[in-house]
Amino acid sequence: AFMTGNTTELEKMSEDRCKFCQSTINDSREIHQKGGWTNKWDQEIVDTTYYEKLEGYDYNKIKVIVNYGATTSCSEACSHLQSSDPITGQVLNFGVRYTNGKWMIGAVEPEVK
C-alpha cells in the first residue's frame, strides 16, 4: 500500500474495527495524494506462531516475526527524503478470524522493543 498507494487488497482483508489497518490505509492514501512514495523494501518472515481462539476473545492470534530491510520514502512531492534503518526481529501480533469463507484481520499490534 505504501509503495503504490493501492489499498484495495488491504481493505478487502481488514475488518472495520482494525485501527492499525485503517491507519495504514489512510496514511498510504494521504502520502500518495500529496505526491509522496515509499521504495520497496525487503521483508523476511522468520517465524510464525498460530494460537487457537483465546478465552474471552472472538478471534485467533498469529504472532509473526519479521526482518525489514532499509527503505527510503518521500513526503509531499519529494520535499523531504527519509531513510529508515533495517529492523531485525519485529514482532507483529495479528488478531484474525474466519468469517464468510475468508480470514479477516481484526487487529494488529506491533510489539515495541
N, C-alpha and C. Protein backbone atom coordinates (compact mmCIF):
# COMPACT_ATOMS: atom_id res chain seq x y z
N ALA A 1 0.82 -1.19 0.00
CA ALA A 1 0.00 0.00 0.00
C ALA A 1 0.87 1.26 0.00
N PHE A 2 1.95 1.26 0.79
CA PHE A 2 2.79 2.46 0.85
C PHE A 2 3.60 2.66 -0.42
N MET A 3 3.90 1.58 -1.13
CA MET A 3 4.70 1.71 -2.35
C MET A 3 3.86 2.20 -3.52
N THR A 4 2.62 1.75 -3.61
CA THR A 4 1.80 2.07 -4.79
C THR A 4 0.63 2.99 -4.50
N GLY A 5 0.22 3.05 -3.25
CA GLY A 5 -0.98 3.81 -2.92
C GLY A 5 -2.25 3.01 -3.11
N ASN A 6 -2.13 1.79 -3.64
CA ASN A 6 -3.29 0.93 -3.87
C ASN A 6 -3.60 0.16 -2.59
N THR A 7 -4.72 0.47 -1.99
CA THR A 7 -5.09 -0.15 -0.71
C THR A 7 -6.21 -1.18 -0.86
N THR A 8 -6.58 -1.51 -2.08
CA THR A 8 -7.72 -2.39 -2.34
C THR A 8 -7.62 -3.72 -1.61
N GLU A 9 -6.50 -4.41 -1.74
CA GLU A 9 -6.35 -5.73 -1.11
C GLU A 9 -6.35 -5.63 0.41
N LEU A 10 -5.69 -4.62 0.94
CA LEU A 10 -5.67 -4.44 2.40
C LEU A 10 -7.08 -4.17 2.92
N GLU A 11 -7.84 -3.37 2.19
CA GLU A 11 -9.22 -3.09 2.59
C GLU A 11 -10.07 -4.36 2.59
N LYS A 12 -9.87 -5.22 1.59
CA LYS A 12 -10.66 -6.45 1.48
C LYS A 12 -10.41 -7.42 2.63
N MET A 13 -9.21 -7.41 3.19
CA MET A 13 -8.88 -8.38 4.25
C MET A 13 -8.96 -7.78 5.65
N SER A 14 -9.35 -6.50 5.76
CA SER A 14 -9.39 -5.82 7.05
C SER A 14 -10.81 -5.59 7.52
N GLU A 15 -11.06 -5.92 8.78
CA GLU A 15 -12.35 -5.58 9.37
C GLU A 15 -12.35 -4.10 9.74
N ASP A 16 -13.53 -3.52 9.81
CA ASP A 16 -13.65 -2.10 10.15
C ASP A 16 -13.04 -1.78 11.50
N ARG A 17 -13.04 -2.74 12.42
CA ARG A 17 -12.53 -2.49 13.77
C ARG A 17 -11.01 -2.47 13.87
N CYS A 18 -10.30 -2.83 12.79
CA CYS A 18 -8.84 -2.87 12.82
C CYS A 18 -8.28 -1.45 12.68
N LYS A 19 -7.93 -0.86 13.81
CA LYS A 19 -7.40 0.51 13.81
C LYS A 19 -6.06 0.60 13.09
N PHE A 20 -5.19 -0.39 13.27
CA PHE A 20 -3.90 -0.43 12.60
C PHE A 20 -4.09 -0.46 11.09
N CYS A 21 -5.00 -1.32 10.63
CA CYS A 21 -5.28 -1.45 9.19
C CYS A 21 -5.79 -0.13 8.63
N GLN A 22 -6.76 0.47 9.31
CA GLN A 22 -7.35 1.71 8.82
C GLN A 22 -6.32 2.84 8.80
N SER A 23 -5.46 2.88 9.81
CA SER A 23 -4.41 3.89 9.85
C SER A 23 -3.44 3.71 8.67
N THR A 24 -3.07 2.46 8.38
CA THR A 24 -2.19 2.18 7.25
C THR A 24 -2.84 2.58 5.94
N ILE A 25 -4.10 2.26 5.77
CA ILE A 25 -4.84 2.64 4.56
C ILE A 25 -4.88 4.16 4.41
N ASN A 26 -5.26 4.84 5.46
CA ASN A 26 -5.36 6.31 5.41
C ASN A 26 -4.01 6.97 5.16
N ASP A 27 -2.97 6.52 5.87
CA ASP A 27 -1.64 7.11 5.70
C ASP A 27 -1.11 6.89 4.29
N SER A 28 -1.32 5.70 3.76
CA SER A 28 -0.86 5.39 2.41
C SER A 28 -1.54 6.28 1.38
N ARG A 29 -2.85 6.38 1.49
CA ARG A 29 -3.60 7.24 0.56
C ARG A 29 -3.11 8.69 0.64
N GLU A 30 -2.96 9.19 1.86
CA GLU A 30 -2.55 10.59 2.05
C GLU A 30 -1.17 10.85 1.46
N ILE A 31 -0.23 9.94 1.70
CA ILE A 31 1.12 10.11 1.16
C ILE A 31 1.08 10.21 -0.36
N HIS A 32 0.35 9.30 -1.00
CA HIS A 32 0.31 9.28 -2.47
C HIS A 32 -0.50 10.44 -3.04
N GLN A 33 -1.56 10.86 -2.37
CA GLN A 33 -2.34 12.00 -2.84
C GLN A 33 -1.52 13.29 -2.82
N LYS A 34 -0.55 13.35 -1.93
CA LYS A 34 0.31 14.54 -1.83
C LYS A 34 1.57 14.42 -2.67
N GLY A 35 1.67 13.34 -3.45
CA GLY A 35 2.82 13.16 -4.34
C GLY A 35 3.99 12.42 -3.73
N GLY A 36 3.81 11.83 -2.57
CA GLY A 36 4.88 11.08 -1.92
C GLY A 36 4.89 9.63 -2.34
N TRP A 37 5.88 8.91 -1.84
CA TRP A 37 6.02 7.49 -2.16
C TRP A 37 6.97 6.84 -1.17
N THR A 38 7.01 5.51 -1.21
CA THR A 38 7.95 4.72 -0.42
C THR A 38 8.56 3.67 -1.33
N ASN A 39 9.89 3.54 -1.29
CA ASN A 39 10.55 2.50 -2.07
C ASN A 39 10.20 1.12 -1.53
N LYS A 40 10.24 0.13 -2.39
CA LYS A 40 10.06 -1.26 -1.96
C LYS A 40 11.19 -1.61 -1.00
N TRP A 41 10.85 -2.35 0.06
CA TRP A 41 11.87 -2.80 0.99
C TRP A 41 11.75 -4.31 1.18
N ASP A 42 12.88 -4.91 1.52
CA ASP A 42 12.90 -6.35 1.75
C ASP A 42 12.17 -6.68 3.04
N GLN A 43 11.39 -7.75 3.01
CA GLN A 43 10.70 -8.24 4.19
C GLN A 43 10.89 -9.75 4.24
N GLU A 44 11.34 -10.24 5.38
CA GLU A 44 11.54 -11.67 5.55
C GLU A 44 10.81 -12.12 6.81
N ILE A 45 9.86 -13.01 6.63
CA ILE A 45 9.17 -13.59 7.79
C ILE A 45 10.06 -14.71 8.31
N VAL A 46 10.52 -14.55 9.56
CA VAL A 46 11.46 -15.53 10.12
C VAL A 46 10.79 -16.53 11.05
N ASP A 47 9.57 -16.23 11.52
CA ASP A 47 8.87 -17.17 12.38
C ASP A 47 7.40 -16.78 12.47
N THR A 48 6.54 -17.78 12.61
CA THR A 48 5.11 -17.55 12.86
C THR A 48 4.63 -18.55 13.90
N THR A 49 3.70 -18.10 14.72
CA THR A 49 3.06 -18.97 15.70
C THR A 49 1.57 -18.70 15.65
N TYR A 50 0.79 -19.76 15.51
CA TYR A 50 -0.66 -19.65 15.45
C TYR A 50 -1.24 -20.10 16.78
N TYR A 51 -2.15 -19.30 17.31
CA TYR A 51 -2.83 -19.63 18.57
C TYR A 51 -4.32 -19.78 18.29
N GLU A 52 -4.91 -20.85 18.79
CA GLU A 52 -6.36 -21.03 18.67
C GLU A 52 -7.05 -19.88 19.40
N LYS A 53 -8.35 -19.77 19.20
CA LYS A 53 -9.10 -18.71 19.87
C LYS A 53 -8.76 -18.66 21.35
N LEU A 54 -8.43 -17.48 21.79
CA LEU A 54 -8.10 -17.28 23.19
C LEU A 54 -9.38 -17.07 23.98
N GLU A 55 -9.41 -17.58 25.19
CA GLU A 55 -10.62 -17.46 26.01
C GLU A 55 -11.00 -15.99 26.18
N GLY A 56 -12.28 -15.72 25.94
CA GLY A 56 -12.78 -14.36 26.07
C GLY A 56 -12.65 -13.51 24.82
N TYR A 57 -12.08 -14.05 23.76
CA TYR A 57 -11.90 -13.30 22.51
C TYR A 57 -12.62 -14.02 21.38
N ASP A 58 -13.00 -13.27 20.35
CA ASP A 58 -13.69 -13.87 19.22
C ASP A 58 -12.77 -14.01 18.00
N TYR A 59 -11.47 -14.03 18.24
CA TYR A 59 -10.53 -14.18 17.14
C TYR A 59 -9.34 -15.05 17.56
N ASN A 60 -8.58 -15.47 16.56
CA ASN A 60 -7.37 -16.24 16.77
C ASN A 60 -6.19 -15.27 16.71
N LYS A 61 -5.06 -15.70 17.24
CA LYS A 61 -3.86 -14.86 17.23
C LYS A 61 -2.80 -15.51 16.36
N ILE A 62 -2.14 -14.69 15.56
CA ILE A 62 -0.97 -15.13 14.81
C ILE A 62 0.17 -14.18 15.18
N LYS A 63 1.23 -14.74 15.73
CA LYS A 63 2.43 -13.96 16.06
C LYS A 63 3.41 -14.14 14.92
N VAL A 64 3.85 -13.03 14.32
CA VAL A 64 4.75 -13.06 13.18
C VAL A 64 6.01 -12.27 13.53
N ILE A 65 7.17 -12.86 13.27
CA ILE A 65 8.43 -12.15 13.48
C ILE A 65 9.02 -11.86 12.11
N VAL A 66 9.31 -10.57 11.87
CA VAL A 66 9.70 -10.10 10.55
C VAL A 66 11.02 -9.33 10.63
N ASN A 67 11.87 -9.51 9.62
CA ASN A 67 13.04 -8.66 9.42
C ASN A 67 12.73 -7.74 8.24
N TYR A 68 12.95 -6.45 8.43
CA TYR A 68 12.71 -5.45 7.38
C TYR A 68 14.04 -4.87 6.92
N GLY A 69 14.17 -4.69 5.62
CA GLY A 69 15.34 -4.01 5.09
C GLY A 69 15.17 -2.50 5.16
N ALA A 70 16.24 -1.78 4.89
CA ALA A 70 16.19 -0.32 4.87
C ALA A 70 15.30 0.15 3.73
N THR A 71 14.74 1.33 3.88
CA THR A 71 13.90 1.90 2.82
C THR A 71 14.06 3.41 2.78
N THR A 72 13.63 3.97 1.67
CA THR A 72 13.61 5.42 1.50
C THR A 72 12.20 5.82 1.15
N SER A 73 11.74 6.90 1.73
CA SER A 73 10.41 7.42 1.40
C SER A 73 10.50 8.91 1.17
N CYS A 74 9.49 9.42 0.52
CA CYS A 74 9.46 10.83 0.17
C CYS A 74 8.07 11.37 0.48
N SER A 75 8.02 12.42 1.25
CA SER A 75 6.73 13.03 1.58
C SER A 75 6.41 14.14 0.59
N GLU A 76 5.21 14.56 0.58
CA GLU A 76 4.69 15.67 -0.22
C GLU A 76 5.56 16.11 -1.39
N ALA A 77 5.38 15.46 -2.50
CA ALA A 77 6.05 15.81 -3.76
C ALA A 77 7.57 15.88 -3.59
N CYS A 78 8.10 14.98 -2.79
CA CYS A 78 9.54 14.85 -2.57
C CYS A 78 10.19 16.09 -1.97
N SER A 79 9.48 16.76 -1.11
CA SER A 79 10.07 17.91 -0.43
C SER A 79 11.05 17.47 0.65
N HIS A 80 10.96 16.19 1.06
CA HIS A 80 11.84 15.70 2.12
C HIS A 80 12.02 14.19 1.99
N LEU A 81 13.25 13.75 1.74
CA LEU A 81 13.55 12.32 1.68
C LEU A 81 13.86 11.80 3.08
N GLN A 82 13.35 10.62 3.39
CA GLN A 82 13.61 9.99 4.68
C GLN A 82 14.12 8.58 4.44
N SER A 83 15.11 8.18 5.21
CA SER A 83 15.62 6.82 5.14
C SER A 83 15.38 6.15 6.48
N SER A 84 15.11 4.86 6.42
CA SER A 84 14.95 4.10 7.66
C SER A 84 15.98 2.98 7.69
N ASP A 85 16.45 2.66 8.87
CA ASP A 85 17.40 1.57 9.05
C ASP A 85 16.68 0.23 9.01
N PRO A 86 17.41 -0.82 8.72
CA PRO A 86 16.79 -2.15 8.78
C PRO A 86 16.30 -2.46 10.20
N ILE A 87 15.29 -3.30 10.28
CA ILE A 87 14.75 -3.73 11.57
C ILE A 87 14.82 -5.25 11.60
N THR A 88 15.39 -5.78 12.66
CA THR A 88 15.51 -7.23 12.82
C THR A 88 14.63 -7.69 13.97
N GLY A 89 13.83 -8.71 13.73
CA GLY A 89 13.05 -9.32 14.79
C GLY A 89 11.83 -8.55 15.23
N GLN A 90 11.20 -7.79 14.33
CA GLN A 90 9.97 -7.06 14.69
C GLN A 90 8.84 -8.06 14.88
N VAL A 91 8.19 -7.99 16.03
CA VAL A 91 7.07 -8.88 16.32
C VAL A 91 5.76 -8.16 16.01
N LEU A 92 4.92 -8.80 15.22
CA LEU A 92 3.58 -8.31 14.92
C LEU A 92 2.58 -9.36 15.38
N ASN A 93 1.62 -8.95 16.18
CA ASN A 93 0.56 -9.84 16.63
C ASN A 93 -0.71 -9.50 15.87
N PHE A 94 -1.24 -10.48 15.15
CA PHE A 94 -2.45 -10.30 14.36
C PHE A 94 -3.62 -10.97 15.05
N GLY A 95 -4.73 -10.28 15.16
CA GLY A 95 -5.99 -10.87 15.59
C GLY A 95 -6.80 -11.16 14.34
N VAL A 96 -7.04 -12.44 14.06
CA VAL A 96 -7.73 -12.82 12.82
C VAL A 96 -8.90 -13.74 13.15
N ARG A 97 -9.89 -13.74 12.26
CA ARG A 97 -10.98 -14.70 12.41
C ARG A 97 -11.51 -15.07 11.03
N TYR A 98 -12.07 -16.26 10.97
CA TYR A 98 -12.59 -16.80 9.72
C TYR A 98 -14.07 -16.44 9.65
N THR A 99 -14.42 -15.60 8.69
CA THR A 99 -15.78 -15.10 8.55
C THR A 99 -16.20 -15.15 7.09
N ASN A 100 -17.38 -15.68 6.84
CA ASN A 100 -17.93 -15.72 5.47
C ASN A 100 -16.96 -16.32 4.46
N GLY A 101 -16.28 -17.39 4.85
CA GLY A 101 -15.41 -18.11 3.94
C GLY A 101 -14.03 -17.52 3.73
N LYS A 102 -13.62 -16.54 4.55
CA LYS A 102 -12.27 -15.99 4.39
C LYS A 102 -11.75 -15.49 5.74
N TRP A 103 -10.42 -15.42 5.83
CA TRP A 103 -9.77 -14.89 7.02
C TRP A 103 -9.75 -13.37 6.94
N MET A 104 -10.11 -12.74 8.04
CA MET A 104 -10.14 -11.28 8.13
C MET A 104 -9.25 -10.82 9.28
N ILE A 105 -8.60 -9.67 9.09
CA ILE A 105 -7.76 -9.08 10.14
C ILE A 105 -8.61 -8.14 10.97
N GLY A 106 -8.67 -8.39 12.26
CA GLY A 106 -9.45 -7.54 13.16
C GLY A 106 -8.58 -6.63 14.00
N ALA A 107 -7.29 -6.96 14.11
CA ALA A 107 -6.38 -6.14 14.90
C ALA A 107 -4.94 -6.50 14.54
N VAL A 108 -4.06 -5.51 14.66
CA VAL A 108 -2.62 -5.73 14.51
C VAL A 108 -1.95 -4.95 15.63
N GLU A 109 -1.04 -5.61 16.33
CA GLU A 109 -0.32 -4.95 17.41
C GLU A 109 1.18 -5.19 17.23
N PRO A 110 1.93 -4.15 16.82
CA PRO A 110 3.38 -4.30 16.77
C PRO A 110 3.93 -4.23 18.20
N GLU A 111 4.82 -5.16 18.55
CA GLU A 111 5.45 -5.09 19.87
C GLU A 111 6.58 -4.09 19.82
N VAL A 112 6.64 -3.24 20.82
CA VAL A 112 7.69 -2.23 20.91
C VAL A 112 8.88 -2.83 21.65
N LYS A 113 10.05 -2.69 21.05
CA LYS A 113 11.27 -3.24 21.67
C LYS A 113 11.78 -2.32 22.75
